[in-house]
PDB file of N, CA and C in Angstrom:
ATOM      1  N   MET A   1       7.064-338.026  88.414  1.00  0.00           N
ATOM      2  CA  MET A   1       8.248-336.924  88.595  1.00  0.00           C
ATOM      3  C   MET A   1       9.258-336.000  87.838  1.00  0.00           C
ATOM      4  N   LYS A   2       9.235-336.855  86.816  1.00  0.00           N
ATOM      5  CA  LYS A   2       9.999-336.003  85.751  1.00  0.00           C
ATOM      6  C   LYS A   2       9.275-335.025  84.759  1.00  0.00           C
ATOM      7  N   ARG A   3       8.177-335.359  84.763  1.00  0.00           N
ATOM      8  CA  ARG A   3       7.104-334.464  84.303  1.00  0.00           C
ATOM      9  C   ARG A   3       6.864-332.974  85.063  1.00  0.00           C
ATOM     10  N   ARG A   4       7.014-332.835  86.118  1.00  0.00           N
ATOM     11  CA  ARG A   4       7.308-332.084  87.016  1.00  0.00           C
ATOM     12  C   ARG A   4       8.449-330.987  86.469  1.00  0.00           C
ATOM     13  N   PHE A   5       9.764-331.908  86.730  1.00  0.00           N
ATOM     14  CA  PHE A   5      11.052-331.033  86.530  1.00  0.00           C
ATOM     15  C   PHE A   5      10.972-330.944  85.068  1.00  0.00           C
ATOM     16  N   TYR A   6      10.615-331.381  84.280  1.00  0.00           N
ATOM     17  CA  TYR A   6      10.496-331.134  82.999  1.00  0.00           C
ATOM     18  C   TYR A   6       9.865-329.449  82.679  1.00  0.00           C
ATOM     19  N   ARG A   7       8.814-329.611  83.195  1.00  0.00           N
ATOM     20  CA  ARG A   7       7.693-328.019  83.434  1.00  0.00           C
ATOM     21  C   ARG A   7       9.086-327.227  83.675  1.00  0.00           C
ATOM     22  N   LEU A   8       9.268-327.346  85.135  1.00  0.00           N
ATOM     23  CA  LEU A   8      10.476-326.459  85.547  1.00  0.00           C
ATOM     24  C   LEU A   8      11.658-326.151  84.739  1.00  0.00           C
ATOM     25  N   SER A   9      11.970-326.876  83.890  1.00  0.00           N
ATOM     26  CA  SER A   9      13.053-326.669  82.780  1.00  0.00           C
ATOM     27  C   SER A   9      12.802-325.786  82.067  1.00  0.00           C
ATOM     28  N   VAL A  10      11.270-325.980  81.720  1.00  0.00           N
ATOM     29  CA  VAL A  10      10.532-325.300  80.504  1.00  0.00           C
ATOM     30  C   VAL A  10      10.636-323.798  81.134  1.00  0.00           C
ATOM     31  N   ILE A  11      10.100-323.530  82.012  1.00  0.00           N
ATOM     32  CA  ILE A  11      10.140-322.265  82.967  1.00  0.00           C
ATOM     33  C   ILE A  11      11.131-321.613  82.653  1.00  0.00           C
ATOM     34  N   LEU A  12      12.394-322.444  83.540  1.00  0.00           N
ATOM     35  CA  LEU A  12      13.894-321.657  83.414  1.00  0.00           C
ATOM     36  C   LEU A  12      14.235-321.108  82.040  1.00  0.00           C
ATOM     37  N   ASP A  13      13.972-321.847  80.968  1.00  0.00           N
ATOM     38  CA  ASP A  13      14.383-321.393  79.657  1.00  0.00           C
ATOM     39  C   ASP A  13      13.423-320.570  79.077  1.00  0.00           C
ATOM     40  N   HIS A  14      12.054-320.086  79.664  1.00  0.00           N
ATOM     41  CA  HIS A  14      11.230-319.076  79.038  1.00  0.00           C
ATOM     42  C   HIS A  14      11.965-317.892  78.664  1.00  0.00           C
ATOM     43  N   TRP A  15      11.662-317.327  77.719  1.00  0.00           N
ATOM     44  CA  TRP A  15      12.695-315.717  77.637  1.00  0.00           C
ATOM     45  C   TRP A  15      12.258-314.645  78.619  1.00  0.00           C
ATOM     46  N   PHE A  16      11.147-314.783  79.375  1.00  0.00           N
ATOM     47  CA  PHE A  16      10.816-313.847  80.767  1.00  0.00           C
ATOM     48  C   PHE A  16      12.004-314.259  81.883  1.00  0.00           C
ATOM     49  N   THR A  17      11.968-315.489  82.025  1.00  0.00           N
ATOM     50  CA  THR A  17      12.630-315.710  83.380  1.00  0.00           C
ATOM     51  C   THR A  17      14.045-315.385  82.709  1.00  0.00           C
ATOM     52  N   GLN A  18      14.541-315.545  81.495  1.00  0.00           N
ATOM     53  CA  GLN A  18      15.858-315.249  81.235  1.00  0.00           C
ATOM     54  C   GLN A  18      16.291-314.100  81.191  1.00  0.00           C
ATOM     55  N   SER A  19      15.283-313.391  80.740  1.00  0.00           N
ATOM     56  CA  SER A  19      15.053-311.777  80.923  1.00  0.00           C
ATOM     57  C   SER A  19      15.499-311.203  82.088  1.00  0.00           C
ATOM     58  N   LEU A  20      14.835-311.444  82.995  1.00  0.00           N
ATOM     59  CA  LEU A  20      14.907-311.424  84.407  1.00  0.00           C
ATOM     60  C   LEU A  20      16.222-311.655  85.091  1.00  0.00           C
ATOM     61  N   LEU A  21      16.640-312.411  84.724  1.00  0.00           N
ATOM     62  CA  LEU A  21      17.918-313.091  85.050  1.00  0.00           C
ATOM     63  C   LEU A  21      19.082-312.098  84.619  1.00  0.00           C
ATOM     64  N   ALA A  22      18.963-312.142  83.279  1.00  0.00           N
ATOM     65  CA  ALA A  22      19.942-311.067  82.920  1.00  0.00           C
ATOM     66  C   ALA A  22      19.873-309.639  83.469  1.00  0.00           C
ATOM     67  N   LEU A  23      18.548-309.224  83.536  1.00  0.00           N
ATOM     68  CA  LEU A  23      17.995-307.810  84.504  1.00  0.00           C
ATOM     69  C   LEU A  23      19.025-307.787  85.705  1.00  0.00           C
ATOM     70  N   ALA A  24      18.947-309.051  86.409  1.00  0.00           N
ATOM     71  CA  ALA A  24      19.429-309.056  88.153  1.00  0.00           C
ATOM     72  C   ALA A  24      20.913-309.159  87.469  1.00  0.00           C
ATOM     73  N   LEU A  25      21.236-309.983  86.775  1.00  0.00           N
ATOM     74  CA  LEU A  25      22.846-309.885  86.472  1.00  0.00           C
ATOM     75  C   LEU A  25      23.591-308.719  86.135  1.00  0.00           C
ATOM     76  N   VAL A  26      23.153-307.669  85.461  1.00  0.00           N
ATOM     77  CA  VAL A  26      23.178-306.186  84.914  1.00  0.00           C
ATOM     78  C   VAL A  26      23.153-305.637  86.449  1.00  0.00           C
ATOM     79  N   THR A  27      22.299-305.765  87.089  1.00  0.00           N
ATOM     80  CA  THR A  27      21.815-305.099  88.367  1.00  0.00           C
ATOM     81  C   THR A  27      23.366-305.241  89.177  1.00  0.00           C
ATOM     82  N   THR A  28      23.482-306.510  89.546  1.00  0.00           N
ATOM     83  CA  THR A  28      24.527-306.923  90.604  1.00  0.00           C
ATOM     84  C   THR A  28      26.036-306.611  89.998  1.00  0.00           C
ATOM     85  N   LEU A  29      25.876-306.286  88.569  1.00  0.00           N
ATOM     86  CA  LEU A  29      27.342-306.095  88.309  1.00  0.00           C
ATOM     87  C   LEU A  29      27.518-304.625  88.323  1.00  0.00           C
ATOM     88  N   LEU A  30      26.593-304.005  88.012  1.00  0.00           N
ATOM     89  CA  LEU A  30      26.750-302.559  87.906  1.00  0.00           C
ATOM     90  C   LEU A  30      26.167-301.584  89.074  1.00  0.00           C
ATOM     91  N   LEU A  31      25.223-302.224  89.978  1.00  0.00           N
ATOM     92  CA  LEU A  31      24.810-301.292  91.092  1.00  0.00           C
ATOM     93  C   LEU A  31      25.840-300.976  92.169  1.00  0.00           C
ATOM     94  N   PRO A  32      26.984-301.740  92.565  1.00  0.00           N
ATOM     95  CA  PRO A  32      27.939-301.277  93.230  1.00  0.00           C
ATOM     96  C   PRO A  32      28.734-300.376  92.611  1.00  0.00           C
ATOM     97  N   ASP A  33      29.220-300.169  92.202  1.00  0.00           N
ATOM     98  CA  ASP A  33      29.784-299.272  90.821  1.00  0.00           C
ATOM     99  C   ASP A  33      28.711-297.841  90.945  1.00  0.00           C
ATOM    100  N   LEU A  34      27.656-297.931  90.650  1.00  0.00           N
ATOM    101  CA  LEU A  34      26.531-296.640  90.607  1.00  0.00           C
ATOM    102  C   LEU A  34      26.511-296.274  92.054  1.00  0.00           C
ATOM    103  N   TRP A  35      26.548-297.116  93.367  1.00  0.00           N
ATOM    104  CA  TRP A  35      26.479-297.022  94.370  1.00  0.00           C
ATOM    105  C   TRP A  35      27.523-295.733  95.042  1.00  0.00           C
ATOM    106  N   VAL A  36      28.892-296.354  94.279  1.00  0.00           N
ATOM    107  CA  VAL A  36      29.866-295.366  94.853  1.00  0.00           C
ATOM    108  C   VAL A  36      29.959-294.208  93.888  1.00  0.00           C
ATOM    109  N   ILE A  37      29.440-294.030  92.664  1.00  0.00           N
ATOM    110  CA  ILE A  37      29.610-293.131  92.186  1.00  0.00           C
ATOM    111  C   ILE A  37      28.643-291.879  92.770  1.00  0.00           C
ATOM    112  N   GLY A  38      27.011-292.490  93.088  1.00  0.00           N
ATOM    113  CA  GLY A  38      26.260-291.741  93.654  1.00  0.00           C
ATOM    114  C   GLY A  38      26.573-291.079  95.212  1.00  0.00           C
ATOM    115  N   ASN A  39      27.403-292.062  95.679  1.00  0.00           N
ATOM    116  CA  ASN A  39      27.858-291.562  97.078  1.00  0.00           C
ATOM    117  C   ASN A  39      26.962-291.129  98.313  1.00  0.00           C
ATOM    118  N   PRO A  40      26.227-292.285  98.363  1.00  0.00           N
ATOM    119  CA  PRO A  40      24.983-292.086  99.320  1.00  0.00           C
ATOM    120  C   PRO A  40      25.193-292.166 100.744  1.00  0.00           C
ATOM    121  N   SER A  41      24.746-291.811 101.594  1.00  0.00           N
ATOM    122  CA  SER A  41      25.220-291.880 103.091  1.00  0.00           C
ATOM    123  C   SER A  41      25.236-293.129 103.580  1.00  0.00           C
ATOM    124  N   ASN A  42      26.150-293.522 104.596  1.00  0.00           N
ATOM    125  CA  ASN A  42      26.482-294.557 105.221  1.00  0.00           C
ATOM    126  C   ASN A  42      25.263-295.555 105.538  1.00  0.00           C
ATOM    127  N   ASP A  43      24.303-294.737 105.966  1.00  0.00           N
ATOM    128  CA  ASP A  43      23.034-295.348 106.590  1.00  0.00           C
ATOM    129  C   ASP A  43      22.339-296.078 105.437  1.00  0.00           C
ATOM    130  N   ALA A  44      22.603-295.415 104.064  1.00  0.00           N
ATOM    131  CA  ALA A  44      22.006-296.278 103.170  1.00  0.00           C
ATOM    132  C   ALA A  44      22.552-297.605 102.437  1.00  0.00           C
ATOM    133  N   ASP A  45      23.617-298.038 102.842  1.00  0.00           N
ATOM    134  CA  ASP A  45      24.458-299.223 102.760  1.00  0.00           C
ATOM    135  C   ASP A  45      23.550-300.407 102.847  1.00  0.00           C
ATOM    136  N   SER A  46      22.597-300.512 103.750  1.00  0.00           N
ATOM    137  CA  SER A  46      21.983-301.736 104.298  1.00  0.00           C
ATOM    138  C   SER A  46      20.976-301.831 103.100  1.00  0.00           C
ATOM    139  N   ILE A  47      20.790-300.539 102.175  1.00  0.00           N
ATOM    140  CA  ILE A  47      19.753-300.839 101.252  1.00  0.00           C
ATOM    141  C   ILE A  47      20.639-301.808 100.133  1.00  0.00           C
ATOM    142  N   LEU A  48      21.618-301.333  99.698  1.00  0.00           N
ATOM    143  CA  LEU A  48      22.588-301.929  98.759  1.00  0.00           C
ATOM    144  C   LEU A  48      22.799-303.610  99.169  1.00  0.00           C
ATOM    145  N   ASN A  49      22.940-303.668 100.472  1.00  0.00           N
ATOM    146  CA  ASN A  49      23.206-305.052 100.946  1.00  0.00           C
ATOM    147  C   ASN A  49      22.167-305.753 100.598  1.00  0.00           C
ATOM    148  N   ALA A  50      20.756-305.365 101.079  1.00  0.00           N
ATOM    149  CA  ALA A  50      19.500-306.061 100.824  1.00  0.00           C
ATOM    150  C   ALA A  50      19.670-306.351  99.273  1.00  0.00           C
ATOM    151  N   VAL A  51      19.789-305.665  98.340  1.00  0.00           N
ATOM    152  CA  VAL A  51      19.289-305.774  97.257  1.00  0.00           C
ATOM    153  C   VAL A  51      20.435-306.806  96.657  1.00  0.00           C
ATOM    154  N   LEU A  52      21.369-306.487  96.955  1.00  0.00           N
ATOM    155  CA  LEU A  52      22.555-307.583  96.469  1.00  0.00           C
ATOM    156  C   LEU A  52      22.350-309.036  96.867  1.00  0.00           C
ATOM    157  N   LEU A  53      21.968-309.162  98.306  1.00  0.00           N
ATOM    158  CA  LEU A  53      21.535-310.369  98.970  1.00  0.00           C
ATOM    159  C   LEU A  53      20.452-311.074  98.297  1.00  0.00           C
ATOM    160  N   PHE A  54      19.493-310.229  98.070  1.00  0.00           N
ATOM    161  CA  PHE A  54      18.452-310.971  97.479  1.00  0.00           C
ATOM    162  C   PHE A  54      18.525-311.481  95.990  1.00  0.00           C
ATOM    163  N   PHE A  55      19.550-310.924  95.030  1.00  0.00           N
ATOM    164  CA  PHE A  55      19.832-311.495  93.821  1.00  0.00           C
ATOM    165  C   PHE A  55      20.735-312.775  94.155  1.00  0.00           C
ATOM    166  N   PHE A  56      21.689-312.586  95.048  1.00  0.00           N
ATOM    167  CA  PHE A  56      22.380-313.605  95.719  1.00  0.00           C
ATOM    168  C   PHE A  56      21.589-314.730  95.231  1.00  0.00           C
ATOM    169  N   VAL A  57      20.261-314.543  96.342  1.00  0.00           N
ATOM    170  CA  VAL A  57      19.615-315.931  96.253  1.00  0.00           C
ATOM    171  C   VAL A  57      18.857-316.423  95.326  1.00  0.00           C
ATOM    172  N   VAL A  58      18.262-315.455  94.577  1.00  0.00           N
ATOM    173  CA  VAL A  58      17.547-315.770  92.993  1.00  0.00           C
ATOM    174  C   VAL A  58      18.684-316.504  92.169  1.00  0.00           C
ATOM    175  N   PHE A  59      20.049-316.248  92.276  1.00  0.00           N
ATOM    176  CA  PHE A  59      21.064-316.908  91.443  1.00  0.00           C
ATOM    177  C   PHE A  59      21.105-318.356  91.859  1.00  0.00           C
ATOM    178  N   SER A  60      21.458-318.280  93.307  1.00  0.00           N
ATOM    179  CA  SER A  60      21.648-319.673  94.196  1.00  0.00           C
ATOM    180  C   SER A  60      20.471-320.564  93.687  1.00  0.00           C
ATOM    181  N   TRP A  61      19.212-319.980  93.706  1.00  0.00           N
ATOM    182  CA  TRP A  61      17.995-321.189  93.491  1.00  0.00           C
ATOM    183  C   TRP A  61      18.201-321.472  92.042  1.00  0.00           C
ATOM    184  N   GLU A  62      18.325-320.451  91.400  1.00  0.00           N
ATOM    185  CA  GLU A  62      18.224-320.979  89.901  1.00  0.00           C
ATOM    186  C   GLU A  62      19.649-321.880  89.475  1.00  0.00           C
ATOM    187  N   ILE A  63      20.622-321.927  90.154  1.00  0.00           N
ATOM    188  CA  ILE A  63      21.649-322.957  90.019  1.00  0.00           C
ATOM    189  C   ILE A  63      21.387-324.090  90.660  1.00  0.00           C
ATOM    190  N   VAL A  64      20.651-324.114  91.651  1.00  0.00           N
ATOM    191  CA  VAL A  64      19.982-325.365  92.416  1.00  0.00           C
ATOM    192  C   VAL A  64      19.466-325.901  91.359  1.00  0.00           C
ATOM    193  N   ILE A  65      18.457-325.524  91.102  1.00  0.00           N
ATOM    194  CA  ILE A  65      17.071-326.343  90.306  1.00  0.00           C
ATOM    195  C   ILE A  65      17.725-326.637  89.248  1.00  0.00           C
ATOM    196  N   THR A  66      18.801-325.574  88.479  1.00  0.00           N
ATOM    197  CA  THR A  66      18.985-326.236  87.016  1.00  0.00           C
ATOM    198  C   THR A  66      20.185-327.094  87.414  1.00  0.00           C
ATOM    199  N   CYS A  67      21.193-327.059  88.484  1.00  0.00           N
ATOM    200  CA  CYS A  67      22.258-328.342  88.274  1.00  0.00           C
ATOM    201  C   CYS A  67      21.443-329.518  88.803  1.00  0.00           C
ATOM    202  N   VAL A  68      21.151-329.537  90.293  1.00  0.00           N
ATOM    203  CA  VAL A  68      21.024-330.682  90.653  1.00  0.00           C
ATOM    204  C   VAL A  68      19.479-331.353  90.065  1.00  0.00           C
ATOM    205  N   PHE A  69      18.384-330.717  90.481  1.00  0.00           N
ATOM    206  CA  PHE A  69      17.206-331.388  89.676  1.00  0.00           C
ATOM    207  C   PHE A  69      17.307-331.551  88.272  1.00  0.00           C
ATOM    208  N   CYS A  70      17.725-330.670  87.386  1.00  0.00           N
ATOM    209  CA  CYS A  70      17.434-331.459  85.900  1.00  0.00           C
ATOM    210  C   CYS A  70      18.579-332.064  85.575  1.00  0.00           C
ATOM    211  N   GLN A  71      19.580-331.926  86.104  1.00  0.00           N
ATOM    212  CA  GLN A  71      20.688-332.692  85.421  1.00  0.00           C
ATOM    213  C   GLN A  71      20.578-334.223  86.066  1.00  0.00           C
ATOM    214  N   THR A  72      20.063-334.258  87.313  1.00  0.00           N
ATOM    215  CA  THR A  72      20.324-335.273  87.864  1.00  0.00           C
ATOM    216  C   THR A  72      19.305-336.681  87.051  1.00  0.00           C
ATOM    217  N   LEU A  73      18.047-335.650  86.765  1.00  0.00           N
ATOM    218  CA  LEU A  73      17.013-336.322  85.882  1.00  0.00           C
ATOM    219  C   LEU A  73      16.734-336.398  84.294  1.00  0.00           C
ATOM    220  N   SER A  74      17.861-335.562  83.683  1.00  0.00           N
ATOM    221  CA  SER A  74      18.312-335.512  82.699  1.00  0.00           C
ATOM    222  C   SER A  74      17.312-335.443  81.641  1.00  0.00           C
ATOM    223  N   VAL A  75      16.222-334.061  82.041  1.00  0.00           N
ATOM    224  CA  VAL A  75      15.006-333.932  81.587  1.00  0.00           C
ATOM    225  C   VAL A  75      15.339-332.275  80.899  1.00  0.00           C
ATOM    226  N   CYS A  76      16.661-331.595  81.140  1.00  0.00           N
ATOM    227  CA  CYS A  76      16.863-330.408  80.664  1.00  0.00           C
ATOM    228  C   CYS A  76      17.608-330.139  79.585  1.00  0.00           C
ATOM    229  N   THR A  77      18.731-331.176  79.393  1.00  0.00           N
ATOM    230  CA  THR A  77      19.277-331.048  78.477  1.00  0.00           C
ATOM    231  C   THR A  77      19.014-332.061  77.337  1.00  0.00           C
ATOM    232  N   HIS A  78      18.242-333.085  77.648  1.00  0.00           N
ATOM    233  CA  HIS A  78      17.820-334.386  76.802  1.00  0.00           C
ATOM    234  C   HIS A  78      16.525-334.027  76.804  1.00  0.00           C
ATOM    235  N   ARG A  79      16.179-333.156  76.075  1.00  0.00           N
ATOM    236  CA  ARG A  79      14.615-332.909  75.451  1.00  0.00           C
ATOM    237  C   ARG A  79      14.296-333.796  74.261  1.00  0.00           C
ATOM    238  N   GLN A  80      13.421-334.469  74.314  1.00  0.00           N
ATOM    239  CA  GLN A  80      13.195-335.097  73.262  1.00  0.00           C
ATOM    240  C   GLN A  80      12.075-334.364  72.285  1.00  0.00           C
ATOM    241  N   PRO A  81      12.594-334.361  71.067  1.00  0.00           N
ATOM    242  CA  PRO A  81      12.189-333.725  70.063  1.00  0.00           C
ATOM    243  C   PRO A  81      10.570-334.199  69.708  1.00  0.00           C
ATOM    244  N   PRO A  82       9.892-333.418  68.914  1.00  0.00           N
ATOM    245  CA  PRO A  82       8.495-333.910  68.585  1.00  0.00           C
ATOM    246  C   PRO A  82       8.830-335.031  67.556  1.00  0.00           C
ATOM    247  N   PRO A  83       7.781-335.878  67.788  1.00  0.00           N
ATOM    248  CA  PRO A  83       8.129-337.021  66.650  1.00  0.00           C
ATOM    249  C   PRO A  83       7.673-336.416  65.005  1.00  0.00           C
ATOM    250  N   ILE A  84       8.620-337.327  64.024  1.00  0.00           N
ATOM    251  CA  ILE A  84       8.443-336.906  62.999  1.00  0.00           C
ATOM    252  C   ILE A  84       7.324-338.107  62.205  1.00  0.00           C
ATOM    253  N   THR A  85       6.259-337.343  61.741  1.00  0.00           N
ATOM    254  CA  THR A  85       5.443-338.216  61.003  1.00  0.00           C
ATOM    255  C   THR A  85       5.553-338.161  59.295  1.00  0.00           C
ATOM    256  N   ARG A  86       5.874-339.235  58.939  1.00  0.00           N
ATOM    257  CA  ARG A  86       6.048-339.486  57.283  1.00  0.00           C
ATOM    258  C   ARG A  86       4.791-339.980  56.948  1.00  0.00           C
ATOM    259  N   THR A  87       4.452-338.971  55.846  1.00  0.00           N
ATOM    260  CA  THR A  87       3.299-339.926  55.135  1.00  0.00           C
ATOM    261  C   THR A  87       3.755-340.395  53.800  1.00  0.00           C
TER     262      THR A  87
END
């Protein structure tokens, strides 16, 4: 079980995953302001709501995975370093 969560923590710490989360963060921070500046019709507001809801779910899952699973099993923050071999 710990092995599975260790692999999950490696995936979460990967540069690609972190880049996607950073892009999602920038999108959620800037999209509402750009939406107001662009002034689309009121019918298009459902698109904005759907995009923001999607990113909310992504962030929620990332928090749940990081906090609940990794911290409970102490595999994310307490990784074992590779063994040192002395010759």
